[in-house]
Amino acid sequence: MTKKERYSFVIDYFKAHNPHAASELQYTNAYQLLVAVILSAQCTDKRVNMVTPPLLEAYPTPNDLKNATVDDIYHYIKSVSYPNNKAKHLKGMATVLVDEFNSIVPEDIDNLQKLPGVGRKTANVIASVIYNKPTMAVDTHVFRVSKRIGLVTNAKTPLETERQLIENISEEFIPVAHHWLILHGRYVCTARNPKCEQCGIDKVCQYFEQKTKQSQTV
């Protein structure tokens, strides 16, 4: 099977079975999603969705968050991973957002990365989800799943993975493909004991092929 055929099968499968895949983070605007994605680093979406409502009720605008103290922010987010650093990031992000971007979340990847707490992955999420740009955020799920299936080869970094996926996925599907791969990794192609028996793309998956061959030789 060629790489083109593998991509075609995977995309067709997800188009049919999860055409409206979307982020599981809860938000109503770009500012809220930005806060949620910063909090989601090495933390579950479920936990973040528990934390953000009271946090955003207290600080409904970037200016409100800018004027908060780090200790005040920490009080609302202490149950997430690395709350001390994230509290500092949130205040720093809000300060730059207000002072340099007039409280408007930028859509440009480079400008997004000027915000404290925003790396390339977070910037790609905002650009993709809010502005529907053809950017591919590579988190641990995307990195693992794309390699297991065989969509990327010899990719040792998230950036290499991102570039290969963007090169091989049609621009119109890149934003939703990000969610396809995340959700597949979260619920089916899990890090430990992937649920191959529930997977609809096992026919083209290199990992499943290797797993089958190994079981036949035992």
C-alpha atoms as a PDB file:
ATOM      1  CA  MET A   1       0.000   0.000   0.000  1.00  0.00           C
ATOM      2  CA  THR A   2       1.306   3.437  -0.919  1.00  0.00           C
ATOM      3  CA  LYS A   3       1.313   6.356   1.473  1.00  0.00           C
ATOM      4  CA  LYS A   4      -1.228   8.135  -0.728  1.00  0.00           C
ATOM      5  CA  GLU A   5      -3.587   5.148  -0.503  1.00  0.00           C
ATOM      6  CA  ARG A   6      -3.174   5.003   3.274  1.00  0.00           C
ATOM      7  CA  TYR A   7      -3.985   8.693   3.682  1.00  0.00           C
ATOM      8  CA  SER A   8      -6.981   8.341   1.372  1.00  0.00           C
ATOM      9  CA  PHE A   9      -8.388   5.415   3.366  1.00  0.00           C
ATOM     10  CA  VAL A  10      -7.897   7.129   6.729  1.00  0.00           C
ATOM     11  CA  ILE A  11      -9.435  10.413   5.606  1.00  0.00           C
ATOM     12  CA  ASP A  12     -12.394   8.686   3.962  1.00  0.00           C
ATOM     13  CA  TYR A  13     -12.993   6.655   7.114  1.00  0.00           C
ATOM     14  CA  PHE A  14     -13.046   9.652   9.429  1.00  0.00           C
ATOM     15  CA  LYS A  15     -15.107  11.713   6.984  1.00  0.00           C
ATOM     16  CA  ALA A  16     -17.746   9.000   7.153  1.00  0.00           C
ATOM     17  CA  HIS A  17     -17.568   8.206  10.869  1.00  0.00           C
ATOM     18  CA  ASN A  18     -16.689  11.531  12.521  1.00  0.00           C
ATOM     19  CA  PRO A  19     -17.297  14.322   9.995  1.00  0.00           C
ATOM     20  CA  HIS A  20     -17.830  17.039  12.600  1.00  0.00           C
ATOM     21  CA  ALA A  21     -14.992  16.256  14.986  1.00  0.00           C
ATOM     22  CA  ALA A  22     -14.211  19.173  17.265  1.00  0.00           C
ATOM     23  CA  SER A  23     -12.303  20.139  20.383  1.00  0.00           C
ATOM     24  CA  GLU A  24     -13.645  18.766  23.648  1.00  0.00           C
ATOM     25  CA  LEU A  25     -12.588  21.928  25.444  1.00  0.00           C
ATOM     26  CA  GLN A  26     -15.519  24.178  26.313  1.00  0.00           C
ATOM     27  CA  TYR A  27     -15.363  27.791  25.120  1.00  0.00           C
ATOM     28  CA  THR A  28     -17.457  30.491  23.475  1.00  0.00           C
ATOM     29  CA  ASN A  29     -14.804  32.791  22.015  1.00  0.00           C
ATOM     30  CA  ALA A  30     -11.136  32.955  21.065  1.00  0.00           C
ATOM     31  CA  TYR A  31     -10.009  34.339  24.432  1.00  0.00           C
ATOM     32  CA  GLN A  32     -11.731  31.523  26.313  1.00  0.00           C
ATOM     33  CA  LEU A  33     -10.230  28.856  24.066  1.00  0.00           C
ATOM     34  CA  LEU A  34      -6.792  30.397  24.456  1.00  0.00           C
ATOM     35  CA  VAL A  35      -7.099  30.209  28.239  1.00  0.00           C
ATOM     36  CA  ALA A  36      -8.353  26.624  28.041  1.00  0.00           C
ATOM     37  CA  VAL A  37      -5.587  25.439  25.717  1.00  0.00           C
ATOM     38  CA  ILE A  38      -2.892  26.972  27.919  1.00  0.00           C
ATOM     39  CA  LEU A  39      -4.398  25.137  30.894  1.00  0.00           C
ATOM     40  CA  SER A  40      -4.688  21.874  28.943  1.00  0.00           C
ATOM     41  CA  ALA A  41      -0.947  21.287  28.627  1.00  0.00           C
ATOM     42  CA  GLN A  42      -0.290  17.877  30.231  1.00  0.00           C
ATOM     43  CA  CYS A  43      -3.782  17.988  31.701  1.00  0.00           C
ATOM     44  CA  THR A  44      -7.068  16.388  30.683  1.00  0.00           C
ATOM     45  CA  ASP A  45      -9.773  18.337  28.888  1.00  0.00           C
ATOM     46  CA  LYS A  46     -12.231  17.087  31.518  1.00  0.00           C
ATOM     47  CA  ARG A  47     -10.255  18.752  34.294  1.00  0.00           C
ATOM     48  CA  VAL A  48      -9.812  21.960  32.315  1.00  0.00           C
ATOM     49  CA  ASN A  49     -13.551  22.108  31.629  1.00  0.00           C
ATOM     50  CA  MET A  50     -14.129  21.968  35.379  1.00  0.00           C
ATOM     51  CA  VAL A  51     -11.710  24.803  36.052  1.00  0.00           C
ATOM     52  CA  THR A  52     -12.495  27.300  33.308  1.00  0.00           C
ATOM     53  CA  PRO A  53     -16.119  28.281  34.145  1.00  0.00           C
ATOM     54  CA  PRO A  54     -15.334  29.874  37.545  1.00  0.00           C
ATOM     55  CA  LEU A  55     -12.039  31.260  36.241  1.00  0.00           C
ATOM     56  CA  LEU A  56     -13.681  32.941  33.259  1.00  0.00           C
ATOM     57  CA  GLU A  57     -16.568  34.157  35.347  1.00  0.00           C
ATOM     58  CA  ALA A  58     -14.043  35.953  37.547  1.00  0.00           C
ATOM     59  CA  TYR A  59     -11.995  37.190  34.574  1.00  0.00           C
ATOM     60  CA  PRO A  60     -14.358  37.433  31.569  1.00  0.00           C
ATOM     61  CA  THR A  61     -12.026  39.626  29.485  1.00  0.00           C
ATOM     62  CA  PRO A  62      -8.285  39.732  28.827  1.00  0.00           C
ATOM     63  CA  ASN A  63      -8.115  43.025  30.727  1.00  0.00           C
ATOM     64  CA  ASP A  64      -9.702  41.434  33.791  1.00  0.00           C
ATOM     65  CA  LEU A  65      -7.132  38.639  33.677  1.00  0.00           C
ATOM     66  CA  LYS A  66      -4.314  41.125  33.159  1.00  0.00           C
ATOM     67  CA  ASN A  67      -5.310  42.988  36.314  1.00  0.00           C
ATOM     68  CA  ALA A  68      -5.504  39.838  38.429  1.00  0.00           C
ATOM     69  CA  THR A  69      -2.609  38.758  40.602  1.00  0.00           C
ATOM     70  CA  VAL A  70      -0.837  35.481  39.949  1.00  0.00           C
ATOM     71  CA  ASP A  71      -2.003  34.281  43.363  1.00  0.00           C
ATOM     72  CA  ASP A  72      -5.608  35.108  42.500  1.00  0.00           C
ATOM     73  CA  ILE A  73      -5.381  33.156  39.248  1.00  0.00           C
ATOM     74  CA  TYR A  74      -3.667  30.262  41.017  1.00  0.00           C
ATOM     75  CA  HIS A  75      -6.640  29.986  43.386  1.00  0.00           C
ATOM     76  CA  TYR A  76      -8.890  29.086  40.436  1.00  0.00           C
ATOM     77  CA  ILE A  77      -6.522  26.721  38.624  1.00  0.00           C
ATOM     78  CA  LYS A  78      -4.720  24.932  41.452  1.00  0.00           C
ATOM     79  CA  SER A  79      -6.251  21.571  40.510  1.00  0.00           C
ATOM     80  CA  VAL A  80      -4.640  21.493  37.039  1.00  0.00           C
ATOM     81  CA  SER A  81      -1.106  20.338  36.337  1.00  0.00           C
ATOM     82  CA  TYR A  82       1.676  22.884  36.939  1.00  0.00           C
ATOM     83  CA  PRO A  83      -0.664  25.572  38.310  1.00  0.00           C
ATOM     84  CA  ASN A  84       2.110  27.923  39.403  1.00  0.00           C
ATOM     85  CA  ASN A  85       3.607  28.213  35.935  1.00  0.00           C
ATOM     86  CA  LYS A  86       0.212  28.340  34.258  1.00  0.00           C
ATOM     87  CA  ALA A  87      -0.977  31.138  36.527  1.00  0.00           C
ATOM     88  CA  LYS A  88       2.053  33.174  35.492  1.00  0.00           C
ATOM     89  CA  HIS A  89       1.480  32.301  31.844  1.00  0.00           C
ATOM     90  CA  LEU A  90      -2.161  33.346  31.961  1.00  0.00           C
ATOM     91  CA  LYS A  91      -1.395  36.724  33.492  1.00  0.00           C
ATOM     92  CA  GLY A  92       1.481  37.248  31.055  1.00  0.00           C
ATOM     93  CA  MET A  93      -0.649  36.183  28.101  1.00  0.00           C
ATOM     94  CA  ALA A  94      -3.430  38.582  29.074  1.00  0.00           C
ATOM     95  CA  THR A  95      -0.971  41.439  29.552  1.00  0.00           C
ATOM     96  CA  VAL A  96       0.553  41.017  26.103  1.00  0.00           C
ATOM     97  CA  LEU A  97      -2.858  40.416  24.531  1.00  0.00           C
ATOM     98  CA  VAL A  98      -4.170  43.711  25.932  1.00  0.00           C
ATOM     99  CA  ASP A  99      -1.048  45.822  25.481  1.00  0.00           C
ATOM    100  CA  GLU A 100       0.106  44.613  22.068  1.00  0.00           C
ATOM    101  CA  PHE A 101      -2.998  43.192  20.387  1.00  0.00           C
ATOM    102  CA  ASN A 102      -5.814  45.359  21.739  1.00  0.00           C
ATOM    103  CA  SER A 103      -7.355  42.314  23.461  1.00  0.00           C
ATOM    104  CA  ILE A 104      -7.871  40.574  20.087  1.00  0.00           C
ATOM    105  CA  VAL A 105      -6.467  37.048  19.819  1.00  0.00           C
ATOM    106  CA  PRO A 106      -4.219  37.106  16.729  1.00  0.00           C
ATOM    107  CA  GLU A 107      -4.622  34.567  13.958  1.00  0.00           C
ATOM    108  CA  ASP A 108      -1.002  34.625  12.808  1.00  0.00           C
ATOM    109  CA  ILE A 109       1.113  31.776  14.186  1.00  0.00           C
ATOM    110  CA  ASP A 110       4.127  33.979  14.876  1.00  0.00           C
ATOM    111  CA  ASN A 111       2.065  36.599  16.682  1.00  0.00           C
ATOM    112  CA  LEU A 112       0.299  33.952  18.736  1.00  0.00           C
ATOM    113  CA  GLN A 113       3.656  32.631  19.908  1.00  0.00           C
ATOM    114  CA  LYS A 114       4.505  36.059  21.303  1.00  0.00           C
ATOM    115  CA  LEU A 115       1.959  35.370  24.036  1.00  0.00           C
ATOM    116  CA  PRO A 116       3.412  33.809  27.215  1.00  0.00           C
ATOM    117  CA  GLY A 117       2.412  30.177  27.569  1.00  0.00           C
ATOM    118  CA  VAL A 118       1.723  29.817  23.859  1.00  0.00           C
ATOM    119  CA  GLY A 119       4.014  27.475  21.956  1.00  0.00           C
ATOM    120  CA  ARG A 120       3.634  26.248  18.401  1.00  0.00           C
ATOM    121  CA  LYS A 121       1.084  23.567  19.317  1.00  0.00           C
ATOM    122  CA  THR A 122      -1.186  26.015  21.124  1.00  0.00           C
ATOM    123  CA  ALA A 123      -0.798  28.571  18.338  1.00  0.00           C
ATOM    124  CA  ASN A 124      -1.785  25.955  15.774  1.00  0.00           C
ATOM    125  CA  VAL A 125      -4.871  25.019  17.805  1.00  0.00           C
ATOM    126  CA  ILE A 126      -6.072  28.631  17.930  1.00  0.00           C
ATOM    127  CA  ALA A 127      -5.338  29.261  14.254  1.00  0.00           C
ATOM    128  CA  SER A 128      -7.112  26.055  13.253  1.00  0.00           C
ATOM    129  CA  VAL A 129     -10.124  26.033  15.586  1.00  0.00           C
ATOM    130  CA  ILE A 130     -10.906  29.750  15.690  1.00  0.00           C
ATOM    131  CA  TYR A 131      -9.714  30.911  12.282  1.00  0.00           C
ATOM    132  CA  ASN A 132     -10.045  27.642  10.323  1.00  0.00           C
ATOM    133  CA  LYS A 133      -6.503  27.898   9.051  1.00  0.00           C
ATOM    134  CA  PRO A 134      -4.798  24.782   7.645  1.00  0.00           C
ATOM    135  CA  THR A 135      -2.520  24.292  10.650  1.00  0.00           C
ATOM    136  CA  MET A 136      -1.838  20.987  12.371  1.00  0.00           C
ATOM    137  CA  ALA A 137      -1.328  21.011  16.129  1.00  0.00           C
ATOM    138  CA  VAL A 138       0.733  17.980  17.116  1.00  0.00           C
ATOM    139  CA  ASP A 139       0.170  16.832  20.672  1.00  0.00           C
ATOM    140  CA  THR A 140       1.122  13.460  22.152  1.00  0.00           C
ATOM    141  CA  HIS A 141      -1.932  11.778  20.590  1.00  0.00           C
ATOM    142  CA  VAL A 142      -1.309  13.098  17.079  1.00  0.00           C
ATOM    143  CA  PHE A 143       2.401  12.286  17.354  1.00  0.00           C
ATOM    144  CA  ARG A 144       1.723   8.697  18.459  1.00  0.00           C
ATOM    145  CA  VAL A 145      -1.222   7.888  16.209  1.00  0.00           C
ATOM    146  CA  SER A 146       0.207   9.284  12.984  1.00  0.00           C
ATOM    147  CA  LYS A 147       3.374   7.227  13.472  1.00  0.00           C
ATOM    148  CA  ARG A 148       1.530   4.048  14.422  1.00  0.00           C
ATOM    149  CA  ILE A 149      -0.770   4.168  11.440  1.00  0.00           C
ATOM    150  CA  GLY A 150       2.100   4.935   9.110  1.00  0.00           C
ATOM    151  CA  LEU A 151       1.002   8.405   8.034  1.00  0.00           C
ATOM    152  CA  VAL A 152       4.423   9.764   8.920  1.00  0.00           C
ATOM    153  CA  THR A 153       7.806   8.116   8.663  1.00  0.00           C
ATOM    154  CA  ASN A 154      11.030   8.843  10.513  1.00  0.00           C
ATOM    155  CA  ALA A 155       9.483  11.855  12.246  1.00  0.00           C
ATOM    156  CA  LYS A 156      11.361  12.410  15.485  1.00  0.00           C
ATOM    157  CA  THR A 157       9.801  15.723  16.499  1.00  0.00           C
ATOM    158  CA  PRO A 158       6.322  17.254  16.546  1.00  0.00           C
ATOM    159  CA  LEU A 159       7.419  19.755  13.900  1.00  0.00           C
ATOM    160  CA  GLU A 160       8.539  17.003  11.515  1.00  0.00           C
ATOM    161  CA  THR A 161       5.235  15.235  12.126  1.00  0.00           C
ATOM    162  CA  GLU A 162       3.298  18.447  11.497  1.00  0.00           C
ATOM    163  CA  ARG A 163       5.084  19.068   8.198  1.00  0.00           C
ATOM    164  CA  GLN A 164       4.498  15.545   6.878  1.00  0.00           C
ATOM    165  CA  LEU A 165       0.801  15.599   7.789  1.00  0.00           C
ATOM    166  CA  ILE A 166       0.243  18.994   6.185  1.00  0.00           C
ATOM    167  CA  GLU A 167       2.091  17.858   3.070  1.00  0.00           C
ATOM    168  CA  ASN A 168      -0.159  14.830   2.629  1.00  0.00           C
ATOM    169  CA  ILE A 169      -3.590  16.008   3.789  1.00  0.00           C
ATOM    170  CA  SER A 170      -5.738  18.206   1.598  1.00  0.00           C
ATOM    171  CA  GLU A 171      -5.879  21.755   2.970  1.00  0.00           C
ATOM    172  CA  GLU A 172      -9.653  21.639   3.435  1.00  0.00           C
ATOM    173  CA  PHE A 173      -9.381  18.687   5.829  1.00  0.00           C
ATOM    174  CA  ILE A 174      -6.347  19.750   7.886  1.00  0.00           C
ATOM    175  CA  PRO A 175      -8.320  21.574  10.627  1.00  0.00           C
ATOM    176  CA  VAL A 176     -10.670  18.653  11.256  1.00  0.00           C
ATOM    177  CA  ALA A 177      -7.924  16.045  10.768  1.00  0.00           C
ATOM    178  CA  HIS A 178      -6.243  17.451  13.870  1.00  0.00           C
ATOM    179  CA  HIS A 179      -9.321  16.464  15.887  1.00  0.00           C
ATOM    180  CA  TRP A 180      -9.685  13.114  14.119  1.00  0.00           C
ATOM    181  CA  LEU A 181      -6.226  12.051  15.207  1.00  0.00           C
ATOM    182  CA  ILE A 182      -6.532  13.448  18.745  1.00  0.00           C
ATOM    183  CA  LEU A 183      -9.855  11.743  19.420  1.00  0.00           C
ATOM    184  CA  HIS A 184      -8.697   8.484  17.844  1.00  0.00           C
ATOM    185  CA  GLY A 185      -5.648   8.534  20.094  1.00  0.00           C
ATOM    186  CA  ARG A 186      -7.678   9.441  23.151  1.00  0.00           C
ATOM    187  CA  TYR A 187     -10.360   6.769  22.813  1.00  0.00           C
ATOM    188  CA  VAL A 188      -9.133   4.027  20.466  1.00  0.00           C
ATOM    189  CA  CYS A 189      -5.407   4.125  19.698  1.00  0.00           C
ATOM    190  CA  THR A 190      -4.461   4.655  23.330  1.00  0.00           C
ATOM    191  CA  ALA A 191      -0.852   4.809  24.459  1.00  0.00           C
ATOM    192  CA  ARG A 192      -1.081   1.531  26.338  1.00  0.00           C
ATOM    193  CA  ASN A 193      -3.113  -1.380  25.012  1.00  0.00           C
ATOM    194  CA  PRO A 194      -4.570   0.267  21.893  1.00  0.00           C
ATOM    195  CA  LYS A 195      -8.074  -1.031  21.133  1.00  0.00           C
ATOM    196  CA  CYS A 196      -7.314  -2.503  17.738  1.00  0.00           C
ATOM    197  CA  GLU A 197     -10.458  -4.633  17.846  1.00  0.00           C
ATOM    198  CA  GLN A 198     -12.529  -1.421  17.846  1.00  0.00           C
ATOM    199  CA  CYS A 199     -10.495   0.337  15.163  1.00  0.00           C
ATOM    200  CA  GLY A 200     -11.956   0.976  11.743  1.00  0.00           C
ATOM    201  CA  ILE A 201      -8.637   1.701  10.089  1.00  0.00           C
ATOM    202  CA  ASP A 202      -6.787  -1.461  11.123  1.00  0.00           C
ATOM    203  CA  LYS A 203      -6.725  -2.549   7.472  1.00  0.00           C
ATOM    204  CA  VAL A 204      -4.189   0.168   6.641  1.00  0.00           C
ATOM    205  CA  CYS A 205      -2.434   0.484  10.006  1.00  0.00           C
ATOM    206  CA  GLN A 206       1.231  -0.462  10.054  1.00  0.00           C
ATOM    207  CA  TYR A 207       1.151  -1.078  13.797  1.00  0.00           C
ATOM    208  CA  PHE A 208      -1.742  -3.519  13.455  1.00  0.00           C
ATOM    209  CA  GLU A 209      -0.030  -5.262  10.557  1.00  0.00           C
ATOM    210  CA  GLN A 210       3.136  -5.753  12.604  1.00  0.00           C
ATOM    211  CA  LYS A 211       1.133  -6.868  15.631  1.00  0.00           C
ATOM    212  CA  THR A 212      -0.702  -9.465  13.519  1.00  0.00           C
ATOM    213  CA  LYS A 213       2.540 -10.837  12.055  1.00  0.00           C
ATOM    214  CA  GLN A 214       4.082 -11.154  15.511  1.00  0.00           C
ATOM    215  CA  SER A 215       1.075 -13.069  16.848  1.00  0.00           C
ATOM    216  CA  GLN A 216       1.233 -15.473  13.900  1.00  0.00           C
ATOM    217  CA  THR A 217       4.864 -16.338  14.561  1.00  0.00           C
ATOM    218  CA  VAL A 218       4.320 -17.134  18.235  1.00  0.00           C
END
